[in-house]
PDB file of N, CA and C in Angstrom:
ATOM      1  N   MET A   1     -25.537-151.805 164.434  1.00  0.00           N
ATOM      2  CA  MET A   1     -24.797-151.220 164.899  1.00  0.00           C
ATOM      3  C   MET A   1     -25.270-149.538 164.457  1.00  0.00           C
ATOM      4  N   GLY A   2     -25.548-148.610 165.460  1.00  0.00           N
ATOM      5  CA  GLY A   2     -25.761-146.966 165.055  1.00  0.00           C
ATOM      6  C   GLY A   2     -24.672-146.456 164.642  1.00  0.00           C
ATOM      7  N   ALA A   3     -24.964-145.292 164.113  1.00  0.00           N
ATOM      8  CA  ALA A   3     -24.060-144.318 163.412  1.00  0.00           C
ATOM      9  C   ALA A   3     -23.066-143.773 164.658  1.00  0.00           C
ATOM     10  N   THR A   4     -23.533-143.444 166.019  1.00  0.00           N
ATOM     11  CA  THR A   4     -22.705-143.333 166.830  1.00  0.00           C
ATOM     12  C   THR A   4     -21.691-144.430 167.245  1.00  0.00           C
ATOM     13  N   SER A   5     -21.996-145.603 167.324  1.00  0.00           N
ATOM     14  CA  SER A   5     -21.353-146.786 167.740  1.00  0.00           C
ATOM     15  C   SER A   5     -20.208-146.775 166.814  1.00  0.00           C
ATOM     16  N   VAL A   6     -20.435-146.564 165.597  1.00  0.00           N
ATOM     17  CA  VAL A   6     -19.609-146.587 164.616  1.00  0.00           C
ATOM     18  C   VAL A   6     -18.490-145.586 164.717  1.00  0.00           C
ATOM     19  N   ALA A   7     -19.301-144.253 164.789  1.00  0.00           N
ATOM     20  CA  ALA A   7     -18.170-143.339 164.848  1.00  0.00           C
ATOM     21  C   ALA A   7     -17.161-143.622 166.216  1.00  0.00           C
ATOM     22  N   MET A   8     -17.655-144.007 167.305  1.00  0.00           N
ATOM     23  CA  MET A   8     -17.167-144.400 168.426  1.00  0.00           C
ATOM     24  C   MET A   8     -15.949-145.447 168.065  1.00  0.00           C
ATOM     25  N   LEU A   9     -16.359-146.508 167.574  1.00  0.00           N
ATOM     26  CA  LEU A   9     -15.462-147.418 167.373  1.00  0.00           C
ATOM     27  C   LEU A   9     -14.313-147.276 166.374  1.00  0.00           C
ATOM     28  N   ALA A  10     -14.622-146.385 165.284  1.00  0.00           N
ATOM     29  CA  ALA A  10     -13.816-145.498 164.199  1.00  0.00           C
ATOM     30  C   ALA A  10     -12.668-145.025 165.143  1.00  0.00           C
ATOM     31  N   THR A  11     -13.159-144.042 165.874  1.00  0.00           N
ATOM     32  CA  THR A  11     -12.085-142.843 166.578  1.00  0.00           C
ATOM     33  C   THR A  11     -11.282-143.762 167.460  1.00  0.00           C
ATOM     34  N   SER A  12     -11.957-144.888 168.153  1.00  0.00           N
ATOM     35  CA  SER A  12     -10.791-145.756 168.983  1.00  0.00           C
ATOM     36  C   SER A  12      -9.724-146.362 168.283  1.00  0.00           C
ATOM     37  N   ARG A  13     -10.252-146.969 167.174  1.00  0.00           N
ATOM     38  CA  ARG A  13      -9.403-147.573 166.376  1.00  0.00           C
ATOM     39  C   ARG A  13      -8.335-146.354 165.750  1.00  0.00           C
ATOM     40  N   LEU A  14      -8.647-145.326 165.446  1.00  0.00           N
ATOM     41  CA  LEU A  14      -7.682-144.237 164.874  1.00  0.00           C
ATOM     42  C   LEU A  14      -6.741-143.933 165.761  1.00  0.00           C
ATOM     43  N   LYS A  15      -7.275-143.897 166.757  1.00  0.00           N
ATOM     44  CA  LYS A  15      -6.162-143.472 168.273  1.00  0.00           C
ATOM     45  C   LYS A  15      -5.245-144.551 168.208  1.00  0.00           C
ATOM     46  N   ALA A  16      -5.483-145.738 168.033  1.00  0.00           N
ATOM     47  CA  ALA A  16      -4.498-146.560 168.283  1.00  0.00           C
ATOM     48  C   ALA A  16      -3.521-146.724 166.948  1.00  0.00           C
ATOM     49  N   VAL A  17      -3.953-146.573 165.750  1.00  0.00           N
ATOM     50  CA  VAL A  17      -3.225-146.459 164.627  1.00  0.00           C
ATOM     51  C   VAL A  17      -2.392-145.155 164.364  1.00  0.00           C
ATOM     52  N   HIS A  18      -3.310-143.980 164.525  1.00  0.00           N
ATOM     53  CA  HIS A  18      -2.559-142.963 164.169  1.00  0.00           C
ATOM     54  C   HIS A  18      -3.176-141.705 165.269  1.00  0.00           C
ATOM     55  N   PRO A  19      -2.191-141.536 166.123  1.00  0.00           N
ATOM     56  CA  PRO A  19      -2.775-140.639 167.304  1.00  0.00           C
ATOM     57  C   PRO A  19      -2.641-139.369 166.799  1.00  0.00           C
ATOM     58  N   SER A  20      -2.205-139.017 165.609  1.00  0.00           N
ATOM     59  CA  SER A  20      -2.001-137.485 165.092  1.00  0.00           C
ATOM     60  C   SER A  20      -3.444-137.093 164.125  1.00  0.00           C
ATOM     61  N   VAL A  21      -4.250-137.815 164.110  1.00  0.00           N
ATOM     62  CA  VAL A  21      -5.372-137.472 163.293  1.00  0.00           C
ATOM     63  C   VAL A  21      -6.657-136.958 164.077  1.00  0.00           C
ATOM     64  N   GLU A  22      -6.126-135.838 165.111  1.00  0.00           N
ATOM     65  CA  GLU A  22      -7.159-135.083 165.809  1.00  0.00           C
ATOM     66  C   GLU A  22      -8.079-134.522 164.876  1.00  0.00           C
ATOM     67  N   ASN A  23      -7.830-134.197 163.732  1.00  0.00           N
ATOM     68  CA  ASN A  23      -8.905-133.448 163.004  1.00  0.00           C
ATOM     69  C   ASN A  23     -10.179-134.465 162.648  1.00  0.00           C
ATOM     70  N   LEU A  24      -9.730-135.486 162.044  1.00  0.00           N
ATOM     71  CA  LEU A  24     -10.572-136.566 161.812  1.00  0.00           C
ATOM     72  C   LEU A  24     -11.445-136.905 162.791  1.00  0.00           C
ATOM     73  N   GLN A  25     -10.677-137.372 164.047  1.00  0.00           N
ATOM     74  CA  GLN A  25     -11.508-137.618 165.282  1.00  0.00           C
ATOM     75  C   GLN A  25     -12.540-136.698 165.819  1.00  0.00           C
ATOM     76  N   ALA A  26     -12.187-135.413 165.638  1.00  0.00           N
ATOM     77  CA  ALA A  26     -13.283-134.305 165.932  1.00  0.00           C
ATOM     78  C   ALA A  26     -14.199-134.433 164.915  1.00  0.00           C
ATOM     79  N   THR A  27     -14.058-134.830 163.787  1.00  0.00           N
ATOM     80  CA  THR A  27     -15.161-134.716 162.724  1.00  0.00           C
ATOM     81  C   THR A  27     -16.069-135.766 163.171  1.00  0.00           C
ATOM     82  N   LEU A  28     -15.608-137.243 163.509  1.00  0.00           N
ATOM     83  CA  LEU A  28     -16.335-138.201 163.981  1.00  0.00           C
ATOM     84  C   LEU A  28     -17.025-137.894 165.110  1.00  0.00           C
ATOM     85  N   ARG A  29     -16.416-137.419 165.845  1.00  0.00           N
ATOM     86  CA  ARG A  29     -17.366-136.671 167.211  1.00  0.00           C
ATOM     87  C   ARG A  29     -18.312-136.329 166.891  1.00  0.00           C
ATOM     88  N   ALA A  30     -18.353-134.846 166.217  1.00  0.00           N
ATOM     89  CA  ALA A  30     -19.316-134.102 165.505  1.00  0.00           C
ATOM     90  C   ALA A  30     -20.392-134.850 164.940  1.00  0.00           C
ATOM     91  N   CYS A  31     -19.812-136.122 164.015  1.00  0.00           N
ATOM     92  CA  CYS A  31     -20.805-136.526 163.444  1.00  0.00           C
ATOM     93  C   CYS A  31     -21.752-137.359 164.278  1.00  0.00           C
ATOM     94  N   ALA A  32     -21.435-137.773 165.418  1.00  0.00           N
ATOM     95  CA  ALA A  32     -21.829-138.446 166.313  1.00  0.00           C
ATOM     96  C   ALA A  32     -22.815-137.802 167.028  1.00  0.00           C
ATOM     97  N   ASP A  33     -22.494-136.583 167.516  1.00  0.00           N
ATOM     98  CA  ASP A  33     -23.111-135.614 168.063  1.00  0.00           C
ATOM     99  C   ASP A  33     -24.381-135.352 167.301  1.00  0.00           C
ATOM    100  N   LEU A  34     -24.478-134.856 165.917  1.00  0.00           N
ATOM    101  CA  LEU A  34     -25.497-134.810 165.000  1.00  0.00           C
ATOM    102  C   LEU A  34     -26.377-135.871 164.892  1.00  0.00           C
ATOM    103  N   ASP A  35     -26.066-137.114 164.887  1.00  0.00           N
ATOM    104  CA  ASP A  35     -26.607-138.340 164.771  1.00  0.00           C
ATOM    105  C   ASP A  35     -27.351-138.265 166.238  1.00  0.00           C
ATOM    106  N   GLN A  36     -27.157-137.863 167.239  1.00  0.00           N
ATOM    107  CA  GLN A  36     -27.916-137.829 168.315  1.00  0.00           C
ATOM    108  C   GLN A  36     -29.076-136.774 168.411  1.00  0.00           C
ATOM    109  N   GLN A  37     -28.479-135.703 167.947  1.00  0.00           N
ATOM    110  CA  GLN A  37     -29.637-134.719 167.879  1.00  0.00           C
ATOM    111  C   GLN A  37     -30.568-135.049 166.589  1.00  0.00           C
ATOM    112  N   ALA A  38     -30.413-135.534 165.716  1.00  0.00           N
ATOM    113  CA  ALA A  38     -31.430-135.825 164.884  1.00  0.00           C
ATOM    114  C   ALA A  38     -32.245-136.956 165.237  1.00  0.00           C
ATOM    115  N   ALA A  39     -31.666-138.121 166.169  1.00  0.00           N
ATOM    116  CA  ALA A  39     -32.661-138.653 166.890  1.00  0.00           C
ATOM    117  C   ALA A  39     -33.496-138.136 167.534  1.00  0.00           C
ATOM    118  N   ARG A  40     -32.909-137.150 168.678  1.00  0.00           N
ATOM    119  CA  ARG A  40     -34.014-136.496 169.307  1.00  0.00           C
ATOM    120  C   ARG A  40     -35.062-135.615 168.724  1.00  0.00           C
ATOM    121  N   LEU A  41     -34.433-135.004 167.537  1.00  0.00           N
ATOM    122  CA  LEU A  41     -35.425-134.066 166.780  1.00  0.00           C
ATOM    123  C   LEU A  41     -36.753-135.150 165.966  1.00  0.00           C
ATOM    124  N   GLN A  42     -36.250-136.174 165.500  1.00  0.00           N
ATOM    125  CA  GLN A  42     -37.322-137.343 164.895  1.00  0.00           C
ATOM    126  C   GLN A  42     -38.259-137.600 165.857  1.00  0.00           C
ATOM    127  N   GLN A  43     -37.784-137.643 167.259  1.00  0.00           N
ATOM    128  CA  GLN A  43     -38.493-138.123 168.296  1.00  0.00           C
ATOM    129  C   GLN A  43     -39.697-137.012 168.762  1.00  0.00           C
ATOM    130  N   LEU A  44     -39.084-135.797 168.900  1.00  0.00           N
ATOM    131  CA  LEU A  44     -39.872-134.510 168.926  1.00  0.00           C
ATOM    132  C   LEU A  44     -41.026-134.054 167.879  1.00  0.00           C
ATOM    133  N   ALA A  45     -40.395-134.255 166.703  1.00  0.00           N
ATOM    134  CA  ALA A  45     -41.262-134.299 165.674  1.00  0.00           C
ATOM    135  C   ALA A  45     -42.463-135.296 165.564  1.00  0.00           C
ATOM    136  N   GLY A  46     -41.832-136.616 165.631  1.00  0.00           N
ATOM    137  CA  GLY A  46     -43.088-137.474 165.907  1.00  0.00           C
ATOM    138  C   GLY A  46     -44.373-137.376 167.084  1.00  0.00           C
ATOM    139  N   SER A  47     -44.129-136.549 167.697  1.00  0.00           N
ATOM    140  CA  SER A  47     -44.847-136.191 168.920  1.00  0.00           C
ATOM    141  C   SER A  47     -45.800-135.128 168.701  1.00  0.00           C
ATOM    142  N   PHE A  48     -45.555-134.516 167.656  1.00  0.00           N
ATOM    143  CA  PHE A  48     -46.341-133.558 166.910  1.00  0.00           C
ATOM    144  C   PHE A  48     -47.529-134.008 166.138  1.00  0.00           C
ATOM    145  N   ARG A  49     -48.777-133.585 166.749  1.00  0.00           N
ATOM    146  CA  ARG A  49     -49.895-133.613 165.754  1.00  0.00           C
ATOM    147  C   ARG A  49     -50.671-132.700 165.045  1.00  0.00           C
ATOM    148  N   ILE A  50     -50.876-132.673 163.705  1.00  0.00           N
ATOM    149  CA  ILE A  50     -51.439-131.508 163.070  1.00  0.00           C
ATOM    150  C   ILE A  50     -52.913-131.867 162.865  1.00  0.00           C
TER     151      ILE A  50
END
């Protein structure tokens, strides 16, 4: 399971348990976004040849 899936699962569970933890949910979404950006950067960097 990737970090994005874990963050999404954690977010959905947090909503069910504590609807008032919006700050933590926003942090988890930001982490998922960063995970996606890192994967894109790794793909891009892997395509460069020196």
